[in-house]
Amino acid sequence: MHAHPLTIRPGVAAALNFILPGAGLWRLGARSLAVLNFLAVIALAVVAWLYGGSALSENIHYVLLFLAAASAGLAHAAAMKAAASGPASSGSLPREV
């Protein structure tokens, strides 16, 4: 059975990363970057919640929205880079599942 090439869709990668940080990167095959992205977003959210003061604690949803958007942007950029470099280029994200 042949592996089908993974279609790199930046929008899908970004949407997955917006919903769950690291999910879009995981789908692209960048496993270590996905885990790092997930842990960084969780750590930054916890730090903002703990040390942000009462004003930030009341508006923590804005911090979470910012972190989700930044994570989505990271996945979108990684997908665009992988799509532009093509399957034969070294150093690109894997294109097969």
Protein backbone atom coordinates (compact mmCIF):
# COMPACT_ATOMS: atom_id res chain seq x y z
CA MET A 1 0.00 0.00 0.00
CA HIS A 2 1.40 3.38 -1.02
CA ALA A 3 1.33 6.38 1.27
CA HIS A 4 -0.68 9.23 -0.14
CA PRO A 5 1.07 12.59 -0.14
CA LEU A 6 -0.27 14.91 2.50
CA THR A 7 -1.89 17.92 0.92
CA ILE A 8 -0.45 20.91 2.69
CA ARG A 9 -3.23 23.37 3.33
CA PRO A 10 -2.14 26.41 5.32
CA GLY A 11 -5.72 27.26 6.27
CA VAL A 12 -6.36 23.82 7.73
CA ALA A 13 -3.09 23.88 9.66
CA ALA A 14 -3.91 27.34 11.02
CA ALA A 15 -7.45 26.35 12.02
CA LEU A 16 -6.24 23.23 13.80
CA ASN A 17 -3.58 25.22 15.65
CA PHE A 18 -6.13 27.89 16.59
CA ILE A 19 -8.40 25.27 18.15
CA LEU A 20 -5.63 23.27 19.83
CA PRO A 21 -2.13 24.75 19.81
CA GLY A 22 0.24 22.34 18.09
CA ALA A 23 -2.42 20.30 16.27
CA GLY A 24 -1.79 21.92 12.88
CA LEU A 25 1.96 21.49 13.24
CA TRP A 26 1.45 17.86 14.28
CA ARG A 27 -0.59 17.27 11.11
CA LEU A 28 2.24 18.77 9.06
CA GLY A 29 4.66 16.30 10.63
CA ALA A 30 6.56 18.80 12.78
CA ARG A 31 6.05 16.77 15.96
CA SER A 32 8.67 18.39 18.18
CA LEU A 33 7.60 21.90 17.15
CA ALA A 34 3.97 20.94 17.83
CA VAL A 35 4.76 19.80 21.37
CA LEU A 36 6.88 22.90 21.97
CA ASN A 37 4.08 25.13 20.68
CA PHE A 38 1.51 23.43 22.91
CA LEU A 39 3.67 23.68 26.03
CA ALA A 40 4.62 27.31 25.34
CA VAL A 41 1.01 28.40 24.91
CA ILE A 42 -0.05 26.61 28.10
CA ALA A 43 2.88 28.07 30.06
CA LEU A 44 2.24 31.62 28.82
CA ALA A 45 -1.48 31.36 29.61
CA VAL A 46 -0.77 30.13 33.15
CA VAL A 47 1.82 32.85 33.77
CA ALA A 48 -0.55 35.54 32.47
CA TRP A 49 -3.35 34.21 34.66
CA LEU A 50 -1.22 33.96 37.81
CA TYR A 51 0.76 37.19 37.53
CA GLY A 52 -1.46 39.41 35.45
CA GLY A 53 -3.33 41.05 38.29
CA SER A 54 -7.05 41.45 38.66
CA ALA A 55 -7.53 43.43 35.44
CA LEU A 56 -5.90 40.72 33.34
CA SER A 57 -7.58 37.91 35.26
CA GLU A 58 -10.95 39.37 34.32
CA ASN A 59 -9.89 39.55 30.67
CA ILE A 60 -7.90 36.32 30.37
CA HIS A 61 -9.99 35.35 27.35
CA TYR A 62 -8.19 38.07 25.36
CA VAL A 63 -4.84 36.57 26.29
CA LEU A 64 -6.05 33.13 25.22
CA LEU A 65 -7.36 34.54 21.95
CA PHE A 66 -4.01 36.22 21.27
CA LEU A 67 -2.10 33.00 22.00
CA ALA A 68 -4.44 30.98 19.76
CA ALA A 69 -4.02 33.47 16.91
CA ALA A 70 -0.24 33.48 17.30
CA SER A 71 -0.21 29.68 17.28
CA ALA A 72 -2.37 29.64 14.15
CA GLY A 73 0.00 32.06 12.46
CA LEU A 74 2.93 29.81 13.26
CA ALA A 75 1.23 26.79 11.70
CA HIS A 76 0.19 28.81 8.65
CA ALA A 77 3.75 30.01 8.10
CA ALA A 78 5.14 26.48 8.50
CA ALA A 79 2.61 25.12 6.01
CA MET A 80 3.38 27.86 3.50
CA LYS A 81 7.10 27.16 3.81
CA ALA A 82 6.56 23.42 3.35
CA ALA A 83 4.29 23.95 0.35
CA ALA A 84 6.74 26.36 -1.29
CA SER A 85 9.81 24.20 -0.79
CA GLY A 86 8.31 21.10 -2.40
CA PRO A 87 8.88 17.44 -1.56
CA ALA A 88 12.43 17.18 -2.95
CA SER A 89 13.84 20.01 -0.88
CA SER A 90 15.80 19.06 2.20
CA GLY A 91 14.84 20.62 5.49
CA SER A 92 11.16 20.92 4.66
CA LEU A 93 8.38 19.43 6.70
CA PRO A 94 7.42 15.85 5.74
CA ARG A 95 4.74 15.61 3.07
CA GLU A 96 3.66 12.02 3.64
CA VAL A 97 1.64 10.45 6.40
